[in-house]
């Protein structure tokens, strides 16, 4: 295939349809039961796996089930609960500061607005997006490493685009009502097929329209 005929991006309708068929039951893999647990779990998932987070949160939430109890915990106790996670020193400090702010400013409740969430210690846009989508049904496409990688490979974003820029581009391409489920399906696709290293293109139903795959075929001549 001549490089001049390579598509600039995967067809969005075909992309979304394939993911819906391949991963119909995709959902958030973090385990939580309320907005506070969701906020804590998503914060802890930075630069580590959801599986690792799910191993420490049962004990953490048993000891500190709400902001009131967590706000009284020592940094050392919080560190002991999450010491198997990456960056646990900083995460423990943020949990302490976060819980104190929730008590002080929000009477122990997790706010539902992006502005209030992102003003809290340790809460960035991606964390706030996940919490508002999962707990308050606010449509969004939070961009983690999987979403970023798949978006770039399918031509929806540039390699140089930061997560916030990728999110805005995806929101312009796909219908708003699909954002939450699409986010989960892209992550499932990234984990199971479109790996960072050695993506399993032979298993992928998007191979025939994927710019990343077609460019690789052109280079190798296979």
N, C-alpha and C. Protein backbone atom coordinates (compact mmCIF):
# COMPACT_ATOMS: atom_id res chain seq x y z
N UNK A 1 0.84 -1.19 0.00
CA UNK A 1 0.00 0.00 0.00
C UNK A 1 0.88 1.24 0.00
N UNK A 2 0.59 2.18 -0.84
CA UNK A 2 1.37 3.40 -0.92
C UNK A 2 1.10 4.29 0.28
N UNK A 3 2.16 4.94 0.84
CA UNK A 3 1.95 5.83 1.98
C UNK A 3 0.93 6.92 1.70
N UNK A 4 0.76 7.28 0.42
CA UNK A 4 -0.20 8.32 0.07
C UNK A 4 -1.63 7.91 0.31
N UNK A 5 -1.88 6.60 0.46
CA UNK A 5 -3.24 6.13 0.68
C UNK A 5 -3.49 5.74 2.14
N UNK A 6 -2.53 6.01 3.00
CA UNK A 6 -2.72 5.68 4.39
C UNK A 6 -3.74 6.63 5.02
N UNK A 7 -4.68 6.11 5.80
CA UNK A 7 -5.68 6.98 6.43
C UNK A 7 -5.03 7.83 7.51
N UNK A 8 -5.54 9.04 7.70
CA UNK A 8 -5.03 9.92 8.74
C UNK A 8 -5.51 9.46 10.12
N UNK A 9 -6.72 8.88 10.17
CA UNK A 9 -7.26 8.40 11.43
C UNK A 9 -8.24 7.27 11.17
N UNK A 10 -8.43 6.43 12.19
CA UNK A 10 -9.42 5.37 12.08
C UNK A 10 -10.81 5.98 12.03
N UNK A 11 -11.70 5.33 11.28
CA UNK A 11 -13.07 5.82 11.21
C UNK A 11 -13.72 5.74 12.59
N UNK A 12 -14.17 6.85 13.15
CA UNK A 12 -14.71 6.85 14.52
C UNK A 12 -15.88 5.90 14.75
N UNK A 13 -16.77 5.80 13.75
CA UNK A 13 -17.93 4.93 13.89
C UNK A 13 -17.51 3.47 13.95
N UNK A 14 -16.61 3.07 13.05
CA UNK A 14 -16.11 1.70 13.05
C UNK A 14 -15.33 1.41 14.33
N UNK A 15 -14.54 2.38 14.76
CA UNK A 15 -13.75 2.26 15.99
C UNK A 15 -14.67 2.00 17.19
N UNK A 16 -15.68 2.84 17.36
CA UNK A 16 -16.59 2.71 18.50
C UNK A 16 -17.41 1.43 18.42
N UNK A 17 -17.84 1.06 17.22
CA UNK A 17 -18.64 -0.16 17.05
C UNK A 17 -17.84 -1.40 17.39
N UNK A 18 -16.59 -1.43 16.94
CA UNK A 18 -15.73 -2.58 17.25
C UNK A 18 -15.53 -2.72 18.76
N UNK A 19 -15.21 -1.60 19.43
CA UNK A 19 -14.99 -1.66 20.86
C UNK A 19 -16.25 -2.09 21.62
N UNK A 20 -17.41 -1.63 21.16
CA UNK A 20 -18.66 -2.02 21.79
C UNK A 20 -18.89 -3.52 21.66
N UNK A 21 -18.57 -4.07 20.50
CA UNK A 21 -18.76 -5.50 20.26
C UNK A 21 -17.71 -6.34 20.99
N UNK A 22 -16.48 -5.85 21.01
CA UNK A 22 -15.39 -6.61 21.61
C UNK A 22 -15.37 -6.53 23.14
N UNK A 23 -15.78 -5.38 23.69
CA UNK A 23 -15.73 -5.17 25.14
C UNK A 23 -17.05 -4.59 25.65
N UNK A 24 -18.14 -5.33 25.49
CA UNK A 24 -19.46 -4.79 25.86
C UNK A 24 -19.63 -4.53 27.35
N UNK A 25 -18.90 -5.27 28.16
CA UNK A 25 -19.07 -5.16 29.61
C UNK A 25 -17.92 -4.41 30.30
N UNK A 26 -17.15 -3.68 29.53
CA UNK A 26 -16.02 -2.95 30.12
C UNK A 26 -16.51 -1.98 31.18
N UNK A 27 -15.77 -1.91 32.28
CA UNK A 27 -16.15 -1.03 33.38
C UNK A 27 -14.90 -0.67 34.17
N UNK A 28 -15.05 0.23 35.11
CA UNK A 28 -13.92 0.63 35.95
C UNK A 28 -13.46 -0.57 36.78
N UNK A 29 -12.17 -0.86 36.74
CA UNK A 29 -11.67 -2.04 37.45
C UNK A 29 -11.30 -1.76 38.90
N UNK A 30 -11.32 -0.50 39.29
CA UNK A 30 -11.11 -0.18 40.70
C UNK A 30 -12.37 -0.55 41.50
N UNK A 31 -12.17 -1.03 42.71
CA UNK A 31 -13.31 -1.44 43.55
C UNK A 31 -13.58 -0.34 44.58
N UNK A 32 -14.80 0.18 44.58
CA UNK A 32 -15.21 1.19 45.56
C UNK A 32 -16.72 1.13 45.71
N UNK A 33 -17.22 1.73 46.79
CA UNK A 33 -18.65 1.65 47.09
C UNK A 33 -19.33 3.00 47.30
N UNK A 34 -18.57 4.06 47.26
CA UNK A 34 -19.13 5.39 47.44
C UNK A 34 -18.15 6.42 46.87
N UNK A 35 -18.55 7.67 46.75
CA UNK A 35 -17.67 8.68 46.16
C UNK A 35 -16.33 8.86 46.89
N UNK A 36 -16.34 8.76 48.22
CA UNK A 36 -15.08 8.91 48.95
C UNK A 36 -14.12 7.78 48.60
N UNK A 37 -14.60 6.55 48.60
CA UNK A 37 -13.74 5.42 48.24
C UNK A 37 -13.27 5.55 46.79
N UNK A 38 -14.15 6.02 45.93
CA UNK A 38 -13.77 6.20 44.53
C UNK A 38 -12.65 7.22 44.41
N UNK A 39 -12.79 8.33 45.10
CA UNK A 39 -11.78 9.39 45.04
C UNK A 39 -10.44 8.88 45.54
N UNK A 40 -10.44 8.18 46.64
CA UNK A 40 -9.20 7.65 47.21
C UNK A 40 -8.59 6.62 46.27
N UNK A 41 -9.40 5.70 45.76
CA UNK A 41 -8.88 4.64 44.89
C UNK A 41 -8.26 5.21 43.62
N UNK A 42 -8.92 6.18 43.01
CA UNK A 42 -8.40 6.76 41.78
C UNK A 42 -7.10 7.52 42.06
N UNK A 43 -7.04 8.24 43.16
CA UNK A 43 -5.80 8.92 43.54
C UNK A 43 -4.66 7.92 43.72
N UNK A 44 -4.95 6.82 44.36
CA UNK A 44 -3.91 5.82 44.61
C UNK A 44 -3.46 5.11 43.34
N UNK A 45 -4.27 5.14 42.30
CA UNK A 45 -3.95 4.38 41.08
C UNK A 45 -2.91 5.06 40.20
N UNK A 46 -2.51 6.29 40.55
CA UNK A 46 -1.50 6.98 39.76
C UNK A 46 -0.19 6.19 39.74
N UNK A 47 0.31 5.93 38.54
CA UNK A 47 1.58 5.24 38.33
C UNK A 47 1.65 3.87 39.01
N UNK A 48 0.50 3.20 39.08
CA UNK A 48 0.47 1.82 39.55
C UNK A 48 -0.76 1.17 38.93
N UNK A 49 -0.94 -0.12 39.14
CA UNK A 49 -2.05 -0.81 38.51
C UNK A 49 -3.29 -0.81 39.39
N UNK A 50 -4.45 -0.90 38.76
CA UNK A 50 -5.69 -0.98 39.52
C UNK A 50 -5.70 -2.22 40.41
N UNK A 51 -5.12 -3.30 39.90
CA UNK A 51 -5.05 -4.54 40.68
C UNK A 51 -4.30 -4.32 41.99
N UNK A 52 -3.20 -3.58 41.92
CA UNK A 52 -2.43 -3.31 43.13
C UNK A 52 -3.22 -2.46 44.10
N UNK A 53 -3.96 -1.48 43.58
CA UNK A 53 -4.78 -0.62 44.43
C UNK A 53 -5.87 -1.44 45.12
N UNK A 54 -6.50 -2.33 44.37
CA UNK A 54 -7.58 -3.15 44.94
C UNK A 54 -7.10 -4.08 46.05
N UNK A 55 -5.81 -4.32 46.11
CA UNK A 55 -5.28 -5.17 47.17
C UNK A 55 -5.12 -4.42 48.49
N UNK A 56 -4.92 -3.10 48.40
CA UNK A 56 -4.69 -2.35 49.64
C UNK A 56 -5.92 -1.62 50.15
N UNK A 57 -6.87 -1.32 49.27
CA UNK A 57 -8.02 -0.51 49.71
C UNK A 57 -8.96 -1.21 50.69
N UNK A 58 -9.17 -2.53 50.63
CA UNK A 58 -10.07 -3.13 51.64
C UNK A 58 -9.63 -2.83 53.07
N UNK A 59 -8.34 -3.02 53.35
CA UNK A 59 -7.84 -2.75 54.70
C UNK A 59 -7.87 -1.26 55.00
N UNK A 60 -7.50 -0.44 54.01
CA UNK A 60 -7.50 1.01 54.19
C UNK A 60 -8.90 1.52 54.53
N UNK A 61 -9.90 1.06 53.79
CA UNK A 61 -11.27 1.54 54.01
C UNK A 61 -11.89 0.94 55.27
N UNK A 62 -11.41 -0.21 55.68
CA UNK A 62 -11.91 -0.77 56.93
C UNK A 62 -11.43 0.08 58.11
N UNK A 63 -10.18 0.52 58.03
CA UNK A 63 -9.62 1.34 59.11
C UNK A 63 -10.13 2.78 59.05
N UNK A 64 -10.27 3.29 57.81
CA UNK A 64 -10.65 4.69 57.61
C UNK A 64 -11.76 4.76 56.57
N UNK A 65 -13.01 4.52 56.98
CA UNK A 65 -14.12 4.42 56.03
C UNK A 65 -14.65 5.75 55.52
N UNK A 66 -14.19 6.85 56.10
CA UNK A 66 -14.72 8.15 55.69
C UNK A 66 -13.67 9.23 55.94
N UNK A 67 -13.90 10.44 55.43
CA UNK A 67 -12.93 11.52 55.61
C UNK A 67 -12.67 11.87 57.07
N UNK A 68 -13.69 11.73 57.92
CA UNK A 68 -13.54 12.09 59.32
C UNK A 68 -12.49 11.20 60.01
N UNK A 69 -12.59 9.90 59.78
CA UNK A 69 -11.63 8.98 60.41
C UNK A 69 -10.26 9.10 59.75
N UNK A 70 -10.21 9.26 58.43
CA UNK A 70 -8.92 9.35 57.74
C UNK A 70 -8.20 10.65 58.10
N UNK A 71 -8.95 11.71 58.35
CA UNK A 71 -8.33 12.99 58.69
C UNK A 71 -7.59 12.93 60.02
N UNK A 72 -7.94 11.96 60.85
CA UNK A 72 -7.30 11.83 62.16
C UNK A 72 -6.15 10.82 62.15
N UNK A 73 -5.97 10.15 61.02
CA UNK A 73 -4.90 9.14 60.92
C UNK A 73 -3.55 9.82 60.79
N UNK A 74 -2.53 9.18 61.31
CA UNK A 74 -1.18 9.70 61.15
C UNK A 74 -0.66 9.35 59.75
N UNK A 75 0.29 10.12 59.27
CA UNK A 75 0.91 9.83 57.98
C UNK A 75 1.52 8.44 58.00
N UNK A 76 2.13 8.09 59.12
CA UNK A 76 2.77 6.77 59.25
C UNK A 76 1.76 5.63 59.10
N UNK A 77 0.59 5.80 59.69
CA UNK A 77 -0.44 4.77 59.59
C UNK A 77 -0.94 4.64 58.15
N UNK A 78 -1.13 5.76 57.49
CA UNK A 78 -1.58 5.74 56.10
C UNK A 78 -0.53 5.10 55.21
N UNK A 79 0.72 5.43 55.46
CA UNK A 79 1.81 4.83 54.68
C UNK A 79 1.84 3.32 54.86
N UNK A 80 1.62 2.87 56.07
CA UNK A 80 1.63 1.43 56.34
C UNK A 80 0.54 0.71 55.56
N UNK A 81 -0.58 1.38 55.36
CA UNK A 81 -1.70 0.77 54.64
C UNK A 81 -1.45 0.66 53.14
N UNK A 82 -0.64 1.59 52.60
CA UNK A 82 -0.47 1.64 51.13
C UNK A 82 0.98 1.48 50.71
N UNK A 83 1.82 0.93 51.58
CA UNK A 83 3.26 0.90 51.32
C UNK A 83 3.66 0.05 50.12
N UNK A 84 2.78 -0.82 49.64
CA UNK A 84 3.11 -1.64 48.47
C UNK A 84 2.92 -0.88 47.16
N UNK A 85 2.35 0.32 47.23
CA UNK A 85 2.09 1.10 46.02
C UNK A 85 3.24 2.05 45.74
N UNK A 86 3.42 2.36 44.47
CA UNK A 86 4.41 3.35 44.09
C UNK A 86 4.06 4.71 44.64
N UNK A 87 5.08 5.50 44.97
CA UNK A 87 4.89 6.87 45.47
C UNK A 87 4.06 6.91 46.75
N UNK A 88 4.16 5.87 47.58
CA UNK A 88 3.26 5.78 48.73
C UNK A 88 3.48 6.90 49.75
N UNK A 89 4.70 7.45 49.82
CA UNK A 89 4.94 8.55 50.76
C UNK A 89 4.09 9.77 50.39
N UNK A 90 4.18 10.17 49.13
CA UNK A 90 3.40 11.33 48.66
C UNK A 90 1.90 11.05 48.71
N UNK A 91 1.52 9.83 48.35
CA UNK A 91 0.10 9.48 48.35
C UNK A 91 -0.49 9.53 49.76
N UNK A 92 0.28 9.08 50.74
CA UNK A 92 -0.20 9.12 52.12
C UNK A 92 -0.39 10.57 52.58
N UNK A 93 0.55 11.43 52.21
CA UNK A 93 0.42 12.84 52.57
C UNK A 93 -0.82 13.46 51.92
N UNK A 94 -1.04 13.12 50.65
CA UNK A 94 -2.21 13.66 49.95
C UNK A 94 -3.52 13.14 50.55
N UNK A 95 -3.54 11.88 50.95
CA UNK A 95 -4.75 11.34 51.58
C UNK A 95 -5.07 12.09 52.87
N UNK A 96 -4.04 12.37 53.64
CA UNK A 96 -4.24 13.10 54.88
C UNK A 96 -4.76 14.51 54.62
N UNK A 97 -4.13 15.21 53.69
CA UNK A 97 -4.55 16.57 53.35
C UNK A 97 -5.94 16.57 52.73
N UNK A 98 -6.18 15.61 51.84
CA UNK A 98 -7.48 15.52 51.17
C UNK A 98 -8.61 15.33 52.17
N UNK A 99 -8.45 14.36 53.05
CA UNK A 99 -9.53 14.07 54.02
C UNK A 99 -9.77 15.27 54.94
N UNK A 100 -8.72 15.97 55.32
CA UNK A 100 -8.89 17.15 56.17
C UNK A 100 -9.68 18.23 55.43
N UNK A 101 -9.37 18.43 54.13
CA UNK A 101 -10.08 19.45 53.35
C UNK A 101 -11.54 19.06 53.12
N UNK A 102 -11.80 17.77 52.94
CA UNK A 102 -13.18 17.32 52.76
C UNK A 102 -14.00 17.61 54.01
N UNK A 103 -13.40 17.40 55.17
CA UNK A 103 -14.09 17.68 56.43
C UNK A 103 -14.26 19.18 56.62
N UNK A 104 -13.19 19.91 56.37
CA UNK A 104 -13.19 21.36 56.62
C UNK A 104 -14.09 22.13 55.67
N UNK A 105 -14.04 21.77 54.38
CA UNK A 105 -14.75 22.57 53.37
C UNK A 105 -16.06 21.97 52.90
N UNK A 106 -16.22 20.63 53.04
CA UNK A 106 -17.40 19.98 52.45
C UNK A 106 -18.14 19.08 53.43
N UNK A 107 -17.91 19.28 54.71
CA UNK A 107 -18.61 18.50 55.74
C UNK A 107 -18.47 16.98 55.54
N UNK A 108 -17.36 16.57 55.00
CA UNK A 108 -17.09 15.15 54.83
C UNK A 108 -17.64 14.54 53.56
N UNK A 109 -18.26 15.35 52.71
CA UNK A 109 -18.81 14.85 51.44
C UNK A 109 -17.85 15.14 50.28
N UNK A 110 -17.91 14.32 49.26
CA UNK A 110 -17.10 14.54 48.06
C UNK A 110 -17.89 15.45 47.12
N UNK A 111 -17.35 16.59 46.75
CA UNK A 111 -18.08 17.50 45.86
C UNK A 111 -18.22 16.90 44.46
N UNK A 112 -19.24 17.35 43.76
CA UNK A 112 -19.52 16.78 42.43
C UNK A 112 -19.01 17.63 41.27
N UNK A 113 -18.52 18.82 41.56
CA UNK A 113 -18.07 19.69 40.47
C UNK A 113 -16.57 19.52 40.21
N UNK A 114 -16.19 19.69 38.96
CA UNK A 114 -14.78 19.59 38.58
C UNK A 114 -13.96 20.65 39.31
N UNK A 115 -14.49 21.85 39.41
CA UNK A 115 -13.75 22.95 40.02
C UNK A 115 -13.42 22.65 41.49
N UNK A 116 -14.41 22.17 42.23
CA UNK A 116 -14.18 21.87 43.64
C UNK A 116 -13.27 20.66 43.81
N UNK A 117 -13.44 19.66 42.97
CA UNK A 117 -12.60 18.47 43.09
C UNK A 117 -11.14 18.78 42.79
N UNK A 118 -10.89 19.50 41.71
CA UNK A 118 -9.50 19.78 41.33
C UNK A 118 -8.83 20.78 42.26
N UNK A 119 -9.59 21.41 43.13
CA UNK A 119 -8.98 22.30 44.12
C UNK A 119 -8.50 21.53 45.34
N UNK A 120 -8.85 20.25 45.42
CA UNK A 120 -8.46 19.43 46.57
C UNK A 120 -7.03 18.90 46.40
N UNK A 121 -6.32 18.67 47.49
CA UNK A 121 -4.94 18.17 47.42
C UNK A 121 -4.85 16.82 46.70
N UNK A 122 -3.95 16.73 45.74
CA UNK A 122 -3.71 15.47 45.05
C UNK A 122 -4.71 15.09 44.00
N UNK A 123 -5.68 15.97 43.72
CA UNK A 123 -6.73 15.65 42.74
C UNK A 123 -6.49 16.44 41.46
N UNK A 124 -6.10 15.73 40.41
CA UNK A 124 -5.92 16.35 39.11
C UNK A 124 -7.16 16.18 38.24
N UNK A 125 -7.06 16.64 37.02
CA UNK A 125 -8.20 16.59 36.10
C UNK A 125 -8.62 15.16 35.81
N UNK A 126 -7.66 14.27 35.59
CA UNK A 126 -8.01 12.89 35.28
C UNK A 126 -8.75 12.23 36.44
N UNK A 127 -8.24 12.42 37.66
CA UNK A 127 -8.91 11.86 38.84
C UNK A 127 -10.32 12.42 38.99
N UNK A 128 -10.44 13.73 38.83
CA UNK A 128 -11.76 14.36 38.95
C UNK A 128 -12.71 13.86 37.87
N UNK A 129 -12.20 13.68 36.66
CA UNK A 129 -13.04 13.17 35.57
C UNK A 129 -13.57 11.78 35.89
N UNK A 130 -12.71 10.92 36.39
CA UNK A 130 -13.13 9.55 36.70
C UNK A 130 -14.18 9.57 37.80
N UNK A 131 -13.95 10.33 38.84
CA UNK A 131 -14.89 10.37 39.97
C UNK A 131 -16.24 10.93 39.54
N UNK A 132 -16.23 12.02 38.78
CA UNK A 132 -17.51 12.61 38.37
C UNK A 132 -18.26 11.71 37.39
N UNK A 133 -17.52 10.97 36.57
CA UNK A 133 -18.16 10.05 35.63
C UNK A 133 -18.75 8.85 36.36
N UNK A 134 -17.97 8.26 37.27
CA UNK A 134 -18.40 7.04 37.95
C UNK A 134 -19.44 7.30 39.03
N UNK A 135 -19.32 8.41 39.72
CA UNK A 135 -20.19 8.65 40.88
C UNK A 135 -21.31 9.64 40.62
N UNK A 136 -21.13 10.53 39.64
CA UNK A 136 -22.11 11.56 39.40
C UNK A 136 -22.60 11.60 37.96
N UNK A 137 -22.24 10.56 37.17
CA UNK A 137 -22.72 10.40 35.79
C UNK A 137 -22.41 11.60 34.90
N UNK A 138 -21.32 12.28 35.16
CA UNK A 138 -20.91 13.40 34.31
C UNK A 138 -20.11 12.85 33.14
N UNK A 139 -20.58 13.02 31.89
CA UNK A 139 -19.87 12.47 30.74
C UNK A 139 -18.46 13.04 30.60
N UNK A 140 -17.50 12.16 30.41
CA UNK A 140 -16.12 12.57 30.19
C UNK A 140 -15.34 11.39 29.63
N UNK A 141 -14.16 11.68 29.11
CA UNK A 141 -13.26 10.63 28.62
C UNK A 141 -11.92 10.84 29.31
N UNK A 142 -11.78 10.40 30.55
CA UNK A 142 -10.51 10.56 31.25
C UNK A 142 -9.38 9.88 30.48
N UNK A 143 -8.25 10.55 30.39
CA UNK A 143 -7.14 10.03 29.57
C UNK A 143 -6.03 9.49 30.46
N UNK A 144 -5.90 8.16 30.47
CA UNK A 144 -4.77 7.52 31.13
C UNK A 144 -3.79 7.06 30.06
N UNK A 145 -2.82 6.25 30.41
CA UNK A 145 -1.81 5.83 29.43
C UNK A 145 -2.42 5.00 28.31
N UNK A 146 -3.42 4.18 28.62
CA UNK A 146 -4.05 3.36 27.58
C UNK A 146 -4.84 4.22 26.59
N UNK A 147 -5.64 5.13 27.12
CA UNK A 147 -6.44 6.00 26.26
C UNK A 147 -5.52 6.86 25.38
N UNK A 148 -4.45 7.37 25.98
CA UNK A 148 -3.52 8.21 25.23
C UNK A 148 -2.86 7.41 24.10
N UNK A 149 -2.40 6.20 24.41
CA UNK A 149 -1.72 5.37 23.41
C UNK A 149 -2.65 5.00 22.26
N UNK A 150 -3.84 4.52 22.59
CA UNK A 150 -4.79 4.10 21.56
C UNK A 150 -5.23 5.29 20.71
N UNK A 151 -5.42 6.42 21.33
CA UNK A 151 -5.85 7.62 20.60
C UNK A 151 -4.77 8.05 19.60
N UNK A 152 -3.53 8.03 20.03
CA UNK A 152 -2.44 8.42 19.13
C UNK A 152 -2.30 7.43 17.98
N UNK A 153 -2.36 6.15 18.28
CA UNK A 153 -2.18 5.14 17.24
C UNK A 153 -3.30 5.17 16.21
N UNK A 154 -4.48 5.57 16.63
CA UNK A 154 -5.61 5.61 15.71
C UNK A 154 -5.80 6.98 15.06
N UNK A 155 -4.85 7.86 15.30
CA UNK A 155 -4.85 9.15 14.61
C UNK A 155 -5.76 10.20 15.19
N UNK A 156 -6.26 9.96 16.41
CA UNK A 156 -7.15 10.94 17.03
C UNK A 156 -6.37 12.01 17.79
N UNK A 157 -5.09 11.77 18.00
CA UNK A 157 -4.25 12.72 18.73
C UNK A 157 -2.83 12.62 18.21
N UNK A 158 -2.06 13.67 18.46
CA UNK A 158 -0.65 13.69 18.08
C UNK A 158 0.20 13.12 19.21
N UNK A 159 1.40 12.66 18.86
CA UNK A 159 2.31 12.14 19.87
C UNK A 159 2.62 13.18 20.93
N UNK A 160 2.64 14.44 20.53
CA UNK A 160 3.02 15.52 21.46
C UNK A 160 1.86 16.00 22.33
N UNK A 161 0.64 15.53 22.06
CA UNK A 161 -0.53 16.00 22.81
C UNK A 161 -0.49 15.54 24.27
N UNK A 162 -0.77 16.46 25.16
CA UNK A 162 -0.90 16.14 26.57
C UNK A 162 -2.30 15.56 26.81
N UNK A 163 -2.50 14.86 27.95
CA UNK A 163 -3.81 14.23 28.23
C UNK A 163 -5.01 15.15 28.09
N UNK A 164 -4.90 16.38 28.57
CA UNK A 164 -6.04 17.30 28.48
C UNK A 164 -6.39 17.61 27.03
N UNK A 165 -5.37 17.75 26.20
CA UNK A 165 -5.58 18.02 24.78
C UNK A 165 -6.22 16.81 24.10
N UNK A 166 -5.76 15.62 24.45
CA UNK A 166 -6.33 14.39 23.88
C UNK A 166 -7.80 14.26 24.26
N UNK A 167 -8.09 14.55 25.52
CA UNK A 167 -9.48 14.49 25.99
C UNK A 167 -10.38 15.40 25.16
N UNK A 168 -9.95 16.63 24.94
CA UNK A 168 -10.75 17.58 24.17
C UNK A 168 -10.95 17.09 22.73
N UNK A 169 -9.93 16.51 22.15
CA UNK A 169 -10.05 16.02 20.78
C UNK A 169 -11.03 14.85 20.70
N UNK A 170 -10.94 13.94 21.65
CA UNK A 170 -11.86 12.80 21.65
C UNK A 170 -13.30 13.25 21.84
N UNK A 171 -13.49 14.25 22.69
CA UNK A 171 -14.85 14.75 22.94
C UNK A 171 -15.46 15.39 21.70
N UNK A 172 -14.62 15.90 20.82
CA UNK A 172 -15.13 16.48 19.58
C UNK A 172 -15.46 15.40 18.55
N UNK A 173 -14.82 14.26 18.66
CA UNK A 173 -14.97 13.19 17.66
C UNK A 173 -16.16 12.28 17.98
N UNK A 174 -16.35 11.97 19.27
CA UNK A 174 -17.35 10.97 19.64
C UNK A 174 -18.55 11.61 20.35
N UNK A 175 -19.74 11.03 20.18
CA UNK A 175 -20.96 11.57 20.81
C UNK A 175 -20.85 11.59 22.33
N UNK A 176 -21.37 12.64 22.92
CA UNK A 176 -21.26 12.83 24.36
C UNK A 176 -21.86 11.67 25.15
N UNK A 177 -22.95 11.11 24.66
CA UNK A 177 -23.61 10.03 25.39
C UNK A 177 -22.78 8.74 25.43
N UNK A 178 -21.74 8.68 24.61
CA UNK A 178 -20.91 7.46 24.56
C UNK A 178 -19.64 7.58 25.38
N UNK A 179 -19.34 8.76 25.91
CA UNK A 179 -18.02 9.01 26.48
C UNK A 179 -17.63 8.08 27.62
N UNK A 180 -18.51 7.88 28.58
CA UNK A 180 -18.14 7.09 29.76
C UNK A 180 -17.83 5.64 29.39
N UNK A 181 -18.73 5.01 28.63
CA UNK A 181 -18.49 3.63 28.23
C UNK A 181 -17.32 3.52 27.26
N UNK A 182 -17.19 4.49 26.37
CA UNK A 182 -16.08 4.48 25.42
C UNK A 182 -14.75 4.52 26.17
N UNK A 183 -14.67 5.32 27.19
CA UNK A 183 -13.46 5.41 28.01
C UNK A 183 -13.08 4.05 28.57
N UNK A 184 -14.04 3.33 29.15
CA UNK A 184 -13.76 2.01 29.70
C UNK A 184 -13.37 1.01 28.61
N UNK A 185 -14.00 1.12 27.46
CA UNK A 185 -13.71 0.17 26.38
C UNK A 185 -12.33 0.41 25.76
N UNK A 186 -11.94 1.67 25.67
CA UNK A 186 -10.59 1.96 25.16
C UNK A 186 -9.55 1.40 26.11
N UNK A 187 -9.77 1.55 27.41
CA UNK A 187 -8.82 1.02 28.39
C UNK A 187 -8.74 -0.50 28.28
N UNK A 188 -9.91 -1.17 28.17
CA UNK A 188 -9.91 -2.63 28.04
C UNK A 188 -9.17 -3.06 26.77
N UNK A 189 -9.39 -2.34 25.69
CA UNK A 189 -8.71 -2.62 24.43
C UNK A 189 -7.20 -2.43 24.57
N UNK A 190 -6.79 -1.36 25.23
CA UNK A 190 -5.37 -1.10 25.43
C UNK A 190 -4.70 -2.16 26.29
N UNK A 191 -5.42 -2.65 27.29
CA UNK A 191 -4.86 -3.66 28.18
C UNK A 191 -4.77 -5.03 27.50
N UNK A 192 -5.79 -5.38 26.73
CA UNK A 192 -5.88 -6.73 26.20
C UNK A 192 -5.26 -6.92 24.82
N UNK A 193 -5.25 -5.87 24.00
CA UNK A 193 -4.80 -6.04 22.61
C UNK A 193 -3.76 -5.00 22.20
N UNK A 194 -4.08 -3.73 22.37
CA UNK A 194 -3.21 -2.66 21.87
C UNK A 194 -2.17 -2.29 22.93
N UNK A 195 -1.29 -3.25 23.25
CA UNK A 195 -0.29 -3.06 24.28
C UNK A 195 0.73 -2.00 23.88
N UNK A 196 1.37 -1.43 24.90
CA UNK A 196 2.42 -0.45 24.63
C UNK A 196 3.55 -1.09 23.83
N UNK A 197 3.91 -2.30 24.21
CA UNK A 197 4.92 -3.06 23.48
C UNK A 197 4.26 -4.28 22.85
N UNK A 198 4.64 -4.55 21.64
CA UNK A 198 4.12 -5.72 20.93
C UNK A 198 2.60 -5.79 20.90
N UNK A 199 1.94 -4.79 20.36
CA UNK A 199 0.47 -4.86 20.23
C UNK A 199 0.07 -6.06 19.37
N UNK A 200 -1.02 -6.70 19.75
CA UNK A 200 -1.47 -7.91 19.04
C UNK A 200 -2.38 -7.53 17.87
N UNK A 201 -1.78 -6.94 16.85
CA UNK A 201 -2.55 -6.47 15.70
C UNK A 201 -3.26 -7.60 14.97
N UNK A 202 -2.72 -8.81 15.06
CA UNK A 202 -3.35 -9.95 14.40
C UNK A 202 -4.68 -10.32 15.04
N UNK A 203 -4.90 -9.89 16.28
CA UNK A 203 -6.16 -10.16 16.99
C UNK A 203 -7.12 -8.98 16.91
N UNK A 204 -6.67 -7.88 16.36
CA UNK A 204 -7.42 -6.63 16.44
C UNK A 204 -8.37 -6.46 15.27
N UNK A 205 -9.62 -6.18 15.58
CA UNK A 205 -10.62 -5.96 14.54
C UNK A 205 -10.49 -4.62 13.85
N UNK A 206 -9.54 -3.79 14.31
CA UNK A 206 -9.32 -2.48 13.70
C UNK A 206 -8.10 -2.45 12.79
N UNK A 207 -7.45 -3.59 12.61
CA UNK A 207 -6.20 -3.63 11.85
C UNK A 207 -6.31 -3.03 10.46
N UNK A 208 -7.44 -3.25 9.81
CA UNK A 208 -7.58 -2.81 8.41
C UNK A 208 -7.76 -1.30 8.28
N UNK A 209 -8.08 -0.60 9.40
CA UNK A 209 -8.29 0.84 9.31
C UNK A 209 -7.36 1.62 10.25
N UNK A 210 -6.49 0.93 10.96
CA UNK A 210 -5.62 1.57 11.94
C UNK A 210 -4.38 2.17 11.28
N UNK A 211 -4.19 3.48 11.36
CA UNK A 211 -3.01 4.13 10.77
C UNK A 211 -1.70 3.56 11.30
N UNK A 212 -1.65 3.24 12.58
CA UNK A 212 -0.44 2.69 13.19
C UNK A 212 -0.07 1.35 12.55
N UNK A 213 -1.05 0.49 12.38
CA UNK A 213 -0.83 -0.83 11.79
C UNK A 213 -0.46 -0.71 10.31
N UNK A 214 -1.18 0.13 9.60
CA UNK A 214 -0.92 0.27 8.17
C UNK A 214 0.44 0.90 7.89
N UNK A 215 0.85 1.81 8.73
CA UNK A 215 2.17 2.41 8.58
C UNK A 215 3.26 1.38 8.82
N UNK A 216 3.04 0.51 9.82
CA UNK A 216 4.02 -0.55 10.09
C UNK A 216 4.11 -1.52 8.92
N UNK A 217 2.97 -1.84 8.32
CA UNK A 217 2.97 -2.74 7.16
C UNK A 217 3.71 -2.13 5.99
N UNK A 218 3.54 -0.84 5.80
CA UNK A 218 4.20 -0.14 4.69
C UNK A 218 5.71 -0.15 4.88
N UNK A 219 6.16 0.05 6.12
CA UNK A 219 7.60 0.07 6.40
C UNK A 219 8.24 -1.29 6.21
N UNK A 220 7.52 -2.34 6.62
CA UNK A 220 8.09 -3.69 6.54
C UNK A 220 7.84 -4.35 5.21
N UNK A 221 6.83 -3.86 4.48
CA UNK A 221 6.49 -4.46 3.20
C UNK A 221 5.77 -5.77 3.33
N UNK A 222 5.27 -6.07 4.54
CA UNK A 222 4.55 -7.33 4.76
C UNK A 222 3.05 -7.11 4.65
